[in-house]
Amino acid sequence: MTVARRGGVAGPVSGGGHASRKRTRRAAGVAAALPADDQLARELLDGLAEAVVTVDAAGMVTLLNAMAAELLPELTPGVDLAGCAVSGLAEATRERAETFDTEHHGRRLRGVRRGLAGERHAWYVRDVTEERARTDALLAERSRTAFLAQAGSRLGLSLHRDQTLRAAVGLPVPYLADAAVVVHRPPPPAEDEPHWIRYATGDTGPVTGVAGWRTVESVPGLVEALEGDLTEPSPWLDAELADLAEVLPAGFGRPGTVLISPMPSAGGPAGALILARRPGRAGFDQREISLAREFAARAGAALAAAELYGEQAHLARVLQNSLLPPELPRLAGMTLAGGYRAAGDSLRIGGDFYDLFPTSTGGLFALGDVCGKGVGAAVLTGRVRQSLQTLRLVEQRPRELMELLNRALLDAPGAAARAQFTTLLLGTLTREPDGGLLVRLAGGGHPAPLVVRAAGGIEAVRVGGMPVGALTDARFAEAEIRLAPGDLLLTYTDGVTEARGGPTELAMFGDARLCQALASGAGLPPAALVDRVLQLVDEWLDGQPHDDIAMLAVAAA
């Protein structure tokens, strides 16, 4: 019961309305203005939708209209209002309050006091039960909408499986339950036993564990929920749930009410959500059951998405590790270094590549640029590298090896439809007695490698040739160079020279800038020179998009 003292709340109680207040004042004025016509005043008062109770200076009831007789049957003329059976009205009268708000005979009543002539006053009382019910329903719906909005936001923030599970058990507490448990099956290769994660009021964080099948089978409806049964969830008030105690917090005791909802997903059930309330808390009503089911469905979808993302991320990591440039082996009499930048930074894989294979006389290297970029180009990159791994066992002469690779790519299933090819440099590194290196090159339409002489000067090695995997009758070119001790050979893809940036953000890095960078870095070891070129290209790009970049440098030790 709520009352407002004189001098506190001014005006009619909330929930009335301007028209209703005007009718109330008009009726009181008519009753006071027509003392000689009691019948007319009675008819006017009885026509009001509000209960009207007039009181004399001594606090005795003098008049009640028809609505007052219906809402307040305890009141009759001559009753002392301060001691009447209507508790809210009696207390407001004693405390000389201007308003009251109380429950009476299962109805919600609100009243406002107005003064009349001769120290008399009148109480105007309204039945606001339906109004209060509509307000409560609106507030409940707003709360439900806010909860689901928060749940959707939290569940969608992470694609990590464990974080999604933590959100699924943390969000319902304490809004829907005193403790929440998600029973789920872990992803392979974990044991095929149900796991659980729990969060309860008072816990510092979610707790996890493994539940035996005996526990799962002892909880009514849990097995069905784990099998994806989408029947309407229902609470169990008196079910034997002793075995559920092992997944509930210590000291929680026997739950008063348990509600189990399946967590469906497109790929099958993701798990089951158990909501437990303590015995002193009311059971789940139909609206709460519907809300719990909606939340469980969203949590199941989020968990399935996280599991799918986890599988894809694992697959991407495996593919990434197999497609990224390898760690270069150590070869006697020479120093090597590689550099790599993928066009996209999500998987760090692309269409440019380099590889190096040790041989009895030195090594065999390959550097290429596959047509396209991204995952599609990376797939062809993997095919080229795997083909070279195999073909080098039967042929190590660069031009002949390139011809075998060309035939292998064209003979691959679907090669004609894909219309993919690669530019390529293949070269053998042969140690010489004086410490130099003899390099035999075969070209397949790739940019000319550059030689940085220890004595100074940059030389381009024009190899030429046609792209590999484009034509059955492709022709490939050969070249031979000698690296004296201290000389360096740099092979690179066109992602270096065609990098667009600079002041206009459109100018290419170009051959001249590359040669200038190499000349200024003459005498540096291969790793330092490659890092220098990559740094200059990055500065030229200044964050702009770029093509894949690969470099391989070799120097005679």
Protein backbone atom coordinates (compact mmCIF):
# COMPACT_ATOMS: atom_id res chain seq x y z
CA MET A 1 0.00 0.00 0.00
CA THR A 2 1.35 3.41 -0.97
CA VAL A 3 0.12 6.73 0.37
CA ALA A 4 1.22 10.31 -0.26
CA ARG A 5 1.05 12.83 2.56
CA ARG A 6 -0.42 16.30 2.24
CA GLY A 7 2.13 18.56 0.67
CA GLY A 8 3.77 15.56 -1.06
CA VAL A 9 2.18 14.35 -4.29
CA ALA A 10 0.10 17.04 -5.95
CA GLY A 11 -2.82 16.32 -8.26
CA PRO A 12 -4.63 13.05 -9.06
CA VAL A 13 -2.88 9.68 -8.79
CA SER A 14 -1.02 8.46 -11.85
CA GLY A 15 -2.89 6.26 -14.25
CA GLY A 16 -5.93 8.55 -14.34
CA GLY A 17 -5.97 10.81 -17.30
CA HIS A 18 -7.03 14.37 -17.95
CA ALA A 19 -10.57 13.53 -19.03
CA SER A 20 -11.13 11.34 -15.96
CA ARG A 21 -9.93 14.09 -13.61
CA LYS A 22 -12.21 16.62 -15.27
CA ARG A 23 -15.18 14.29 -14.87
CA THR A 24 -14.30 13.80 -11.19
CA ARG A 25 -14.11 17.53 -10.47
CA ARG A 26 -17.29 18.15 -12.44
CA ALA A 27 -19.22 15.50 -10.50
CA ALA A 28 -18.04 16.90 -7.15
CA GLY A 29 -19.02 20.39 -8.23
CA VAL A 30 -22.48 19.26 -9.32
CA ALA A 31 -23.05 17.47 -6.01
CA ALA A 32 -22.09 20.58 -4.08
CA ALA A 33 -24.02 22.95 -6.33
CA LEU A 34 -27.27 20.99 -6.21
CA PRO A 35 -27.92 20.27 -2.52
CA ALA A 36 -31.65 20.56 -3.09
CA ASP A 37 -31.79 17.93 -5.75
CA ASP A 38 -30.27 14.85 -4.13
CA GLN A 39 -31.80 12.52 -6.75
CA LEU A 40 -30.11 14.30 -9.63
CA ALA A 41 -26.81 14.41 -7.77
CA ARG A 42 -27.10 10.70 -7.05
CA GLU A 43 -27.72 9.90 -10.72
CA LEU A 44 -24.76 12.01 -11.76
CA LEU A 45 -22.45 10.37 -9.21
CA ASP A 46 -23.64 6.86 -10.02
CA GLY A 47 -22.80 7.44 -13.67
CA LEU A 48 -19.13 7.99 -12.89
CA ALA A 49 -16.57 5.24 -13.61
CA GLU A 50 -14.80 6.16 -10.38
CA ALA A 51 -15.85 5.35 -6.87
CA VAL A 52 -16.79 8.52 -4.95
CA VAL A 53 -16.84 8.61 -1.14
CA THR A 54 -17.70 11.89 0.61
CA VAL A 55 -16.69 12.49 4.21
CA ASP A 56 -17.84 15.15 6.67
CA ALA A 57 -15.65 17.26 8.93
CA ALA A 58 -15.65 14.52 11.58
CA GLY A 59 -14.36 11.93 9.13
CA MET A 60 -17.66 10.05 8.77
CA VAL A 61 -18.84 8.72 5.41
CA THR A 62 -21.80 10.73 4.15
CA LEU A 63 -22.26 9.47 0.60
CA LEU A 64 -21.13 6.68 -1.72
CA ASN A 65 -21.90 6.31 -5.39
CA ALA A 66 -22.67 3.01 -7.14
CA MET A 67 -19.04 2.30 -8.06
CA ALA A 68 -17.99 2.89 -4.43
CA ALA A 69 -20.58 0.37 -3.25
CA GLU A 70 -19.11 -2.15 -5.73
CA LEU A 71 -15.43 -1.61 -5.02
CA LEU A 72 -15.70 -0.81 -1.31
CA PRO A 73 -18.65 -2.85 0.05
CA GLU A 74 -17.37 -2.39 3.61
CA LEU A 75 -18.24 1.31 3.54
CA THR A 76 -21.68 2.63 4.47
CA PRO A 77 -22.87 6.11 5.45
CA GLY A 78 -21.87 6.92 9.03
CA VAL A 79 -18.71 4.74 9.04
CA ASP A 80 -15.59 6.36 10.45
CA LEU A 81 -13.23 6.30 7.49
CA ALA A 82 -10.13 6.32 9.68
CA GLY A 83 -11.12 2.99 11.21
CA CYS A 84 -12.77 1.32 8.26
CA ALA A 85 -11.85 -2.14 6.92
CA VAL A 86 -10.30 -0.74 3.75
CA SER A 87 -6.73 -0.66 5.04
CA GLY A 88 -5.23 1.61 2.41
CA LEU A 89 -8.03 4.15 2.63
CA ALA A 90 -8.10 4.05 6.43
CA GLU A 91 -4.36 4.64 6.71
CA ALA A 92 -4.47 7.50 4.21
CA THR A 93 -7.31 9.10 6.21
CA ARG A 94 -5.44 8.81 9.49
CA GLU A 95 -2.26 10.24 8.04
CA ARG A 96 -4.19 12.91 6.10
CA ALA A 97 -2.55 11.75 2.91
CA GLU A 98 -3.63 13.01 -0.47
CA THR A 99 -3.46 9.65 -2.29
CA PHE A 100 -3.31 5.93 -1.65
CA ASP A 101 -2.51 2.80 -3.67
CA THR A 102 -3.53 -0.58 -2.27
CA GLU A 103 -4.71 -4.14 -2.95
CA HIS A 104 -8.33 -4.82 -1.91
CA HIS A 105 -10.33 -7.97 -2.62
CA GLY A 106 -7.85 -8.97 -5.31
CA ARG A 107 -8.15 -5.63 -7.08
CA ARG A 108 -5.64 -2.80 -7.34
CA LEU A 109 -7.18 0.49 -6.19
CA ARG A 110 -5.86 4.03 -6.41
CA GLY A 111 -7.48 6.99 -4.68
CA VAL A 112 -7.08 10.76 -4.58
CA ARG A 113 -8.49 13.13 -1.96
CA ARG A 114 -10.19 16.43 -2.84
CA GLY A 115 -11.43 19.08 -0.43
CA LEU A 116 -15.06 20.23 -0.40
CA ALA A 117 -16.80 23.15 1.27
CA GLY A 118 -17.31 23.11 5.04
CA GLU A 119 -14.16 21.10 5.82
CA ARG A 120 -15.65 18.16 4.02
CA HIS A 121 -13.72 16.14 1.44
CA ALA A 122 -14.24 13.43 -1.13
CA TRP A 123 -12.18 10.38 -2.10
CA TYR A 124 -12.14 9.42 -5.79
CA VAL A 125 -11.09 5.78 -6.17
CA ARG A 126 -10.24 3.97 -9.42
CA ASP A 127 -9.84 0.27 -10.17
CA VAL A 128 -6.46 0.05 -11.96
CA THR A 129 -6.15 -3.74 -11.92
CA GLU A 130 -6.28 -4.18 -15.69
CA GLU A 131 -4.14 -1.11 -16.22
CA ARG A 132 -1.53 -2.48 -13.82
CA ALA A 133 -1.67 -5.88 -15.53
CA ARG A 134 -1.09 -4.27 -18.93
CA THR A 135 1.79 -2.25 -17.52
CA ASP A 136 3.34 -5.32 -15.91
CA ALA A 137 2.94 -7.27 -19.14
CA LEU A 138 4.60 -4.46 -21.10
CA LEU A 139 7.48 -4.28 -18.62
CA ALA A 140 7.88 -8.06 -18.72
CA GLU A 141 7.97 -8.03 -22.52
CA ARG A 142 10.52 -5.24 -22.50
CA SER A 143 12.63 -7.18 -20.03
CA ARG A 144 12.33 -10.31 -22.18
CA THR A 145 13.31 -8.39 -25.31
CA ALA A 146 16.27 -6.78 -23.54
CA PHE A 147 17.44 -10.17 -22.26
CA LEU A 148 17.27 -11.76 -25.70
CA ALA A 149 19.00 -8.76 -27.27
CA GLN A 150 21.82 -8.97 -24.73
CA ALA A 151 22.02 -12.73 -25.19
CA GLY A 152 22.19 -12.41 -28.96
CA SER A 153 24.94 -9.80 -28.69
CA ARG A 154 27.00 -11.76 -26.17
CA LEU A 155 26.60 -15.08 -27.94
CA GLY A 156 27.56 -13.54 -31.26
CA LEU A 157 30.64 -11.73 -29.97
CA SER A 158 32.85 -14.81 -29.97
CA LEU A 159 33.33 -17.69 -32.33
CA HIS A 160 35.42 -19.52 -29.75
CA ARG A 161 33.62 -22.62 -28.47
CA ASP A 162 34.62 -22.28 -24.82
CA GLN A 163 33.65 -18.61 -24.69
CA THR A 164 30.28 -19.42 -26.22
CA LEU A 165 29.67 -22.08 -23.57
CA ARG A 166 30.60 -19.62 -20.83
CA ALA A 167 28.12 -17.10 -22.18
CA ALA A 168 25.40 -19.77 -22.47
CA VAL A 169 25.57 -20.57 -18.74
CA GLY A 170 26.33 -17.06 -17.51
CA LEU A 171 23.52 -15.13 -19.18
CA PRO A 172 20.49 -16.96 -17.63
CA VAL A 173 21.75 -16.41 -14.03
CA PRO A 174 20.05 -14.90 -12.08
CA TYR A 175 17.46 -13.66 -14.59
CA LEU A 176 15.98 -17.08 -15.35
CA ALA A 177 17.49 -19.37 -12.72
CA ASP A 178 19.77 -19.64 -9.72
CA ALA A 179 22.03 -22.09 -11.55
CA ALA A 180 22.50 -22.93 -15.23
CA VAL A 181 24.21 -26.03 -16.64
CA VAL A 182 24.96 -26.85 -20.28
CA VAL A 183 25.48 -30.54 -20.97
CA HIS A 184 27.29 -31.07 -24.26
CA ARG A 185 29.55 -33.43 -26.13
CA PRO A 186 33.09 -32.17 -26.66
CA PRO A 187 34.55 -32.00 -30.16
CA PRO A 188 36.79 -34.86 -31.34
CA PRO A 189 39.18 -36.33 -30.35
CA ALA A 190 37.85 -36.01 -26.77
CA GLU A 191 36.20 -39.01 -25.15
CA ASP A 192 32.59 -39.69 -26.13
CA GLU A 193 31.14 -38.74 -22.75
CA PRO A 194 28.89 -35.81 -21.94
CA HIS A 195 30.67 -32.81 -20.48
CA TRP A 196 29.08 -30.01 -18.50
CA ILE A 197 29.73 -26.38 -17.72
CA ARG A 198 27.91 -24.60 -14.90
CA TYR A 199 27.44 -21.12 -13.55
CA ALA A 200 25.44 -20.26 -10.43
CA THR A 201 24.69 -17.24 -8.28
CA GLY A 202 27.70 -16.63 -6.07
CA ASP A 203 30.19 -18.46 -8.31
CA THR A 204 33.29 -16.54 -9.31
CA GLY A 205 33.17 -18.06 -12.78
CA PRO A 206 31.96 -21.04 -14.79
CA VAL A 207 32.93 -24.53 -13.59
CA THR A 208 33.40 -27.52 -15.91
CA GLY A 209 33.37 -31.28 -15.51
CA VAL A 210 32.53 -34.62 -17.07
CA ALA A 211 29.15 -36.20 -16.37
CA GLY A 212 28.67 -39.94 -16.58
CA TRP A 213 25.83 -41.35 -18.62
CA ARG A 214 24.21 -42.48 -15.35
CA THR A 215 23.85 -38.85 -14.31
CA VAL A 216 22.45 -37.87 -17.69
CA GLU A 217 19.90 -40.69 -17.64
CA SER A 218 18.78 -39.89 -14.11
CA VAL A 219 17.52 -36.43 -15.04
CA PRO A 220 14.07 -36.62 -16.67
CA GLY A 221 14.12 -35.24 -20.20
CA LEU A 222 17.89 -34.73 -20.42
CA VAL A 223 18.56 -37.68 -22.73
CA GLU A 224 15.71 -36.56 -24.98
CA ALA A 225 17.07 -33.01 -25.07
CA LEU A 226 20.55 -34.25 -25.98
CA GLU A 227 19.00 -36.22 -28.83
CA GLY A 228 17.43 -33.02 -30.15
CA ASP A 229 13.87 -33.58 -28.96
CA LEU A 230 12.12 -30.29 -29.64
CA THR A 231 8.96 -30.99 -27.67
CA GLU A 232 7.75 -28.26 -25.33
CA PRO A 233 10.02 -28.02 -22.28
CA SER A 234 8.31 -28.51 -18.95
CA PRO A 235 9.48 -28.20 -15.33
CA TRP A 236 9.79 -31.06 -12.88
CA LEU A 237 8.80 -30.19 -9.35
CA ASP A 238 8.93 -33.59 -7.69
CA ALA A 239 11.26 -35.62 -9.93
CA GLU A 240 14.05 -37.60 -8.32
CA LEU A 241 17.07 -35.48 -9.20
CA ALA A 242 19.60 -36.65 -6.62
CA ASP A 243 22.23 -37.41 -9.23
CA LEU A 244 21.96 -33.88 -10.57
CA ALA A 245 23.62 -32.68 -7.37
CA GLU A 246 27.09 -33.52 -8.72
CA VAL A 247 26.80 -30.79 -11.36
CA LEU A 248 25.17 -28.22 -9.04
CA PRO A 249 27.15 -25.97 -6.69
CA ALA A 250 28.08 -27.30 -3.27
CA GLY A 251 25.40 -26.29 -0.79
CA PHE A 252 22.80 -25.65 -3.48
CA GLY A 253 20.70 -28.50 -2.15
CA ARG A 254 17.83 -30.16 -3.86
CA PRO A 255 16.53 -27.83 -6.60
CA GLY A 256 12.96 -26.67 -6.22
CA THR A 257 12.33 -26.51 -9.95
CA VAL A 258 14.34 -27.77 -12.92
CA LEU A 259 13.70 -26.78 -16.51
CA ILE A 260 15.51 -28.59 -19.36
CA SER A 261 15.57 -27.25 -22.90
CA PRO A 262 17.28 -28.75 -25.96
CA MET A 263 19.88 -26.64 -27.76
CA PRO A 264 19.12 -27.42 -31.41
CA SER A 265 21.38 -26.58 -34.32
CA ALA A 266 21.41 -27.19 -38.06
CA GLY A 267 23.95 -29.98 -37.74
CA GLY A 268 22.18 -31.81 -34.90
CA PRO A 269 21.71 -31.12 -31.19
CA ALA A 270 24.45 -28.95 -29.74
CA GLY A 271 23.59 -29.85 -26.15
CA ALA A 272 20.98 -29.24 -23.46
CA LEU A 273 20.41 -26.33 -21.11
CA ILE A 274 19.42 -27.08 -17.50
CA LEU A 275 17.98 -24.22 -15.45
CA ALA A 276 17.58 -24.87 -11.72
CA ARG A 277 15.81 -22.72 -9.14
CA ARG A 278 16.07 -22.97 -5.40
CA PRO A 279 13.02 -24.22 -3.47
CA GLY A 280 12.10 -20.72 -2.24
CA ARG A 281 11.76 -19.32 -5.77
CA ALA A 282 8.56 -19.59 -7.80
CA GLY A 283 8.40 -22.16 -10.57
CA PHE A 284 8.65 -21.39 -14.26
CA ASP A 285 5.51 -19.96 -15.82
CA GLN A 286 4.65 -20.46 -19.47
CA ARG A 287 6.23 -17.19 -20.51
CA GLU A 288 9.50 -18.13 -18.82
CA ILE A 289 9.45 -21.57 -20.40
CA SER A 290 9.04 -19.96 -23.82
CA LEU A 291 11.87 -17.53 -23.06
CA ALA A 292 14.15 -20.35 -21.86
CA ARG A 293 13.48 -22.33 -25.01
CA GLU A 294 14.20 -19.31 -27.22
CA PHE A 295 17.46 -18.64 -25.39
CA ALA A 296 18.49 -22.31 -25.60
CA ALA A 297 17.86 -22.26 -29.36
CA ARG A 298 20.03 -19.17 -29.78
CA ALA A 299 22.75 -20.64 -27.59
CA GLY A 300 22.64 -23.87 -29.61
CA ALA A 301 22.98 -21.98 -32.89
CA ALA A 302 25.88 -19.95 -31.49
CA LEU A 303 27.60 -23.09 -30.19
CA ALA A 304 27.18 -24.85 -33.54
CA ALA A 305 28.61 -21.79 -35.33
CA ALA A 306 31.57 -21.75 -32.95
CA GLU A 307 32.21 -25.46 -33.52
CA LEU A 308 32.03 -24.99 -37.30
CA TYR A 309 34.38 -22.04 -37.11
CA GLY A 310 36.76 -24.08 -34.96
CA GLU A 311 36.80 -26.88 -37.52
CA GLN A 312 37.41 -24.44 -40.37
CA ALA A 313 40.12 -22.62 -38.44
CA HIS A 314 41.86 -25.93 -37.74
CA LEU A 315 41.64 -26.89 -41.41
CA ALA A 316 42.95 -23.47 -42.42
CA ARG A 317 45.90 -23.81 -40.05
CA VAL A 318 46.76 -27.23 -41.48
CA LEU A 319 46.53 -25.93 -45.05
CA GLN A 320 48.43 -22.80 -44.11
CA ASN A 321 51.30 -24.77 -42.64
CA SER A 322 51.51 -26.89 -45.78
CA LEU A 323 51.35 -23.95 -48.20
CA LEU A 324 53.54 -21.36 -46.51
CA PRO A 325 57.12 -21.10 -47.78
CA PRO A 326 59.35 -23.62 -46.02
CA GLU A 327 62.25 -22.97 -43.73
CA LEU A 328 65.28 -22.99 -45.96
CA PRO A 329 67.83 -25.76 -45.38
CA ARG A 330 71.49 -25.00 -44.81
CA LEU A 331 73.65 -25.70 -47.87
CA ALA A 332 77.44 -25.85 -47.72
CA GLY A 333 79.27 -23.05 -49.48
CA MET A 334 76.27 -20.71 -49.84
CA THR A 335 73.98 -18.45 -47.82
CA LEU A 336 70.24 -18.25 -48.56
CA ALA A 337 67.26 -16.16 -47.41
CA GLY A 338 63.62 -15.91 -48.42
CA GLY A 339 60.98 -13.19 -48.07
CA TYR A 340 57.21 -13.52 -48.34
CA ARG A 341 54.09 -11.29 -48.19
CA ALA A 342 50.61 -12.58 -49.04
CA ALA A 343 48.14 -10.21 -50.69
CA GLY A 344 45.54 -10.98 -48.03
CA ASP A 345 46.36 -11.17 -44.33
CA SER A 346 43.63 -13.55 -43.18
CA LEU A 347 45.29 -16.89 -43.99
CA ARG A 348 48.74 -15.50 -44.98
CA ILE A 349 48.78 -17.73 -48.04
CA GLY A 350 48.74 -16.75 -51.68
CA GLY A 351 49.97 -17.52 -55.16
CA ASP A 352 53.66 -16.63 -54.87
CA PHE A 353 56.09 -19.24 -53.58
CA TYR A 354 59.67 -20.36 -53.34
CA ASP A 355 61.25 -23.70 -52.49
CA LEU A 356 64.71 -25.20 -52.15
CA PHE A 357 65.79 -28.83 -52.39
CA PRO A 358 69.30 -30.05 -51.46
CA THR A 359 71.17 -32.02 -54.12
CA SER A 360 74.47 -33.93 -54.14
CA THR A 361 76.27 -30.98 -55.77
CA GLY A 362 74.45 -28.11 -54.06
CA GLY A 363 70.77 -27.34 -54.41
CA LEU A 364 67.73 -26.91 -56.67
CA PHE A 365 65.54 -23.87 -56.14
CA ALA A 366 62.20 -22.76 -57.51
CA LEU A 367 60.42 -19.40 -57.35
CA GLY A 368 57.07 -18.81 -58.99
CA ASP A 369 53.97 -16.65 -59.28
CA VAL A 370 50.68 -18.46 -59.78
CA CYS A 371 47.91 -16.74 -61.72
CA GLY A 372 45.40 -15.19 -59.30
CA LYS A 373 45.55 -14.64 -55.56
CA GLY A 374 44.03 -15.89 -52.34
CA VAL A 375 42.90 -19.45 -51.62
CA GLY A 376 42.42 -20.41 -55.29
CA ALA A 377 45.96 -19.42 -56.14
CA ALA A 378 47.25 -21.12 -52.99
CA VAL A 379 45.71 -24.41 -54.11
CA LEU A 380 47.59 -24.27 -57.42
CA THR A 381 50.71 -23.25 -55.52
CA GLY A 382 50.42 -26.42 -53.48
CA ARG A 383 49.97 -28.49 -56.63
CA VAL A 384 53.05 -26.96 -58.26
CA ARG A 385 55.20 -27.48 -55.18
CA GLN A 386 54.04 -31.07 -54.73
CA SER A 387 54.68 -31.81 -58.40
CA LEU A 388 58.19 -30.37 -58.14
CA GLN A 389 58.82 -32.48 -55.02
CA THR A 390 58.05 -35.60 -57.03
CA LEU A 391 59.47 -34.71 -60.44
CA ARG A 392 62.87 -33.63 -59.07
CA LEU A 393 63.46 -37.26 -58.10
CA VAL A 394 63.58 -38.22 -61.77
CA GLU A 395 64.87 -34.99 -63.35
CA GLN A 396 67.03 -32.17 -61.93
CA ARG A 397 68.03 -30.30 -65.07
CA PRO A 398 66.07 -27.04 -64.87
CA ARG A 399 64.62 -26.79 -68.38
CA GLU A 400 63.75 -30.49 -68.62
CA LEU A 401 62.17 -30.36 -65.16
CA MET A 402 60.07 -27.38 -66.21
CA GLU A 403 58.82 -29.27 -69.27
CA LEU A 404 57.76 -32.20 -67.09
CA LEU A 405 55.98 -29.81 -64.73
CA ASN A 406 54.16 -28.16 -67.64
CA ARG A 407 52.88 -31.55 -68.81
CA ALA A 408 51.85 -32.55 -65.28
CA LEU A 409 49.82 -29.36 -64.73
CA LEU A 410 48.05 -29.68 -68.08
CA ASP A 411 47.24 -33.35 -67.45
CA ALA A 412 45.68 -32.63 -64.05
CA PRO A 413 41.85 -33.19 -63.94
CA GLY A 414 39.95 -29.99 -64.74
CA ALA A 415 43.06 -28.07 -65.75
CA ALA A 416 41.49 -26.77 -68.98
CA ALA A 417 38.42 -25.44 -67.17
CA ARG A 418 40.50 -23.70 -64.51
CA ALA A 419 42.81 -22.01 -67.04
CA GLN A 420 45.45 -21.51 -64.35
CA PHE A 421 49.17 -21.23 -64.93
CA THR A 422 52.31 -20.00 -63.21
CA THR A 423 55.40 -18.06 -64.11
CA LEU A 424 58.45 -19.86 -62.80
CA LEU A 425 62.20 -19.78 -62.31
CA LEU A 426 64.05 -23.06 -61.72
CA GLY A 427 67.74 -23.11 -60.97
CA THR A 428 70.51 -25.43 -59.86
CA LEU A 429 73.24 -24.25 -57.50
CA THR A 430 76.57 -26.01 -57.95
CA ARG A 431 79.52 -25.37 -55.66
CA GLU A 432 82.84 -24.67 -57.37
CA PRO A 433 86.34 -25.32 -55.99
CA ASP A 434 87.18 -21.61 -55.68
CA GLY A 435 84.14 -20.99 -53.46
CA GLY A 436 81.95 -19.60 -56.20
CA LEU A 437 78.59 -20.89 -57.42
CA LEU A 438 77.52 -21.98 -60.88
CA VAL A 439 73.82 -21.20 -61.39
CA ARG A 440 71.92 -22.77 -64.28
CA LEU A 441 68.48 -21.18 -64.77
CA ALA A 442 65.36 -22.12 -66.68
CA GLY A 443 62.72 -19.46 -67.21
CA GLY A 444 58.97 -19.77 -67.62
CA GLY A 445 57.83 -16.19 -68.28
CA HIS A 446 59.16 -14.86 -64.98
CA PRO A 447 60.83 -11.48 -64.23
CA ALA A 448 64.57 -11.55 -64.74
CA PRO A 449 66.57 -12.24 -61.58
CA LEU A 450 69.20 -9.70 -60.52
CA VAL A 451 72.87 -10.24 -59.62
CA VAL A 452 74.44 -7.93 -57.05
CA ARG A 453 78.21 -8.04 -57.58
CA ALA A 454 80.51 -7.72 -54.60
CA ALA A 455 82.58 -5.23 -56.56
CA GLY A 456 79.51 -3.14 -57.30
CA GLY A 457 76.93 -3.10 -60.04
CA ILE A 458 73.57 -4.76 -60.72
CA GLU A 459 73.10 -7.20 -63.60
CA ALA A 460 69.78 -8.53 -64.90
CA VAL A 461 69.80 -12.16 -66.07
CA ARG A 462 67.47 -12.29 -69.06
CA VAL A 463 65.96 -15.77 -69.14
CA GLY A 464 62.53 -15.39 -70.76
CA GLY A 465 60.41 -18.41 -71.64
CA MET A 466 56.64 -18.98 -71.52
CA PRO A 467 54.38 -19.50 -68.48
CA VAL A 468 54.10 -23.05 -67.17
CA GLY A 469 50.76 -24.86 -67.42
CA ALA A 470 49.29 -22.57 -70.10
CA LEU A 471 50.16 -24.32 -73.39
CA THR A 472 51.05 -27.86 -74.34
CA ASP A 473 53.74 -26.64 -76.76
CA ALA A 474 55.19 -23.99 -74.45
CA ARG A 475 58.86 -23.17 -74.91
CA PHE A 476 61.19 -22.47 -71.99
CA ALA A 477 64.51 -20.63 -71.98
CA GLU A 478 67.83 -21.26 -70.23
CA ALA A 479 70.64 -19.11 -68.87
CA GLU A 480 73.84 -19.67 -66.91
CA ILE A 481 75.68 -17.33 -64.56
CA ARG A 482 78.57 -17.59 -62.12
CA LEU A 483 78.56 -16.05 -58.64
CA ALA A 484 81.96 -15.19 -57.23
CA PRO A 485 82.40 -15.19 -53.46
CA GLY A 486 80.44 -12.20 -52.12
CA ASP A 487 78.12 -12.00 -55.16
CA LEU A 488 74.38 -12.35 -54.59
CA LEU A 489 71.51 -13.54 -56.81
CA LEU A 490 68.02 -12.19 -56.07
CA THR A 491 64.96 -13.82 -57.57
CA TYR A 492 61.59 -12.13 -56.96
CA THR A 493 58.00 -12.00 -58.13
CA ASP A 494 56.34 -9.02 -59.82
CA GLY A 495 54.58 -8.14 -56.55
CA VAL A 496 57.79 -6.25 -55.69
CA THR A 497 58.11 -4.07 -58.78
CA GLU A 498 54.35 -3.62 -59.33
CA ALA A 499 53.62 -2.51 -55.74
CA ARG A 500 51.63 0.73 -56.11
CA GLY A 501 52.04 3.55 -53.63
CA GLY A 502 54.27 6.57 -53.11
CA PRO A 503 53.01 10.16 -53.02
CA THR A 504 50.23 9.50 -55.55
CA GLU A 505 49.42 6.03 -54.18
CA LEU A 506 49.33 4.88 -57.83
CA ALA A 507 53.00 4.83 -58.89
CA MET A 508 54.70 1.43 -59.11
CA PHE A 509 57.80 0.64 -57.08
CA GLY A 510 59.44 -0.30 -60.36
CA ASP A 511 62.68 -1.87 -61.52
CA ALA A 512 64.73 1.30 -60.97
CA ARG A 513 63.85 1.58 -57.28
CA LEU A 514 64.54 -2.13 -56.80
CA CYS A 515 67.99 -1.82 -58.39
CA GLN A 516 68.71 1.27 -56.32
CA ALA A 517 67.74 -0.59 -53.15
CA LEU A 518 70.02 -3.48 -54.06
CA ALA A 519 72.92 -1.22 -54.96
CA SER A 520 72.68 0.64 -51.66
CA GLY A 521 72.63 -2.71 -49.85
CA ALA A 522 75.53 -4.29 -51.71
CA GLY A 523 77.66 -6.38 -49.38
CA LEU A 524 74.79 -7.15 -47.02
CA PRO A 525 74.06 -10.83 -46.33
CA PRO A 526 71.00 -12.27 -48.13
CA ALA A 527 68.69 -12.09 -45.08
CA ALA A 528 69.51 -8.41 -44.43
CA LEU A 529 69.13 -7.49 -48.08
CA VAL A 530 65.75 -9.24 -48.38
CA ASP A 531 64.52 -7.50 -45.21
CA ARG A 532 65.70 -4.17 -46.60
CA VAL A 533 63.76 -4.62 -49.85
CA LEU A 534 60.62 -5.71 -48.00
CA GLN A 535 60.87 -2.70 -45.71
CA LEU A 536 61.22 -0.29 -48.62
CA VAL A 537 58.27 -1.89 -50.42
CA ASP A 538 56.14 -1.67 -47.25
CA GLU A 539 57.03 2.01 -46.86
CA TRP A 540 56.18 2.61 -50.52
CA LEU A 541 52.80 0.88 -50.12
CA ASP A 542 52.01 2.69 -46.84
CA GLY A 543 49.19 0.29 -46.06
CA GLN A 544 47.76 0.12 -49.59
CA PRO A 545 46.59 -3.26 -50.97
CA HIS A 546 49.24 -5.19 -52.85
CA ASP A 547 49.85 -8.39 -54.79
CA ASP A 548 51.60 -11.43 -53.36
CA ILE A 549 55.35 -10.98 -52.92
CA ALA A 550 58.06 -13.63 -52.78
CA MET A 551 61.86 -13.32 -52.91
CA LEU A 552 64.73 -15.78 -52.71
CA ALA A 553 68.33 -14.61 -52.38
CA VAL A 554 71.45 -16.75 -52.58
CA ALA A 555 75.07 -15.73 -52.15
CA ALA A 556 78.35 -17.58 -52.51
CA ALA A 557 79.87 -17.86 -49.05
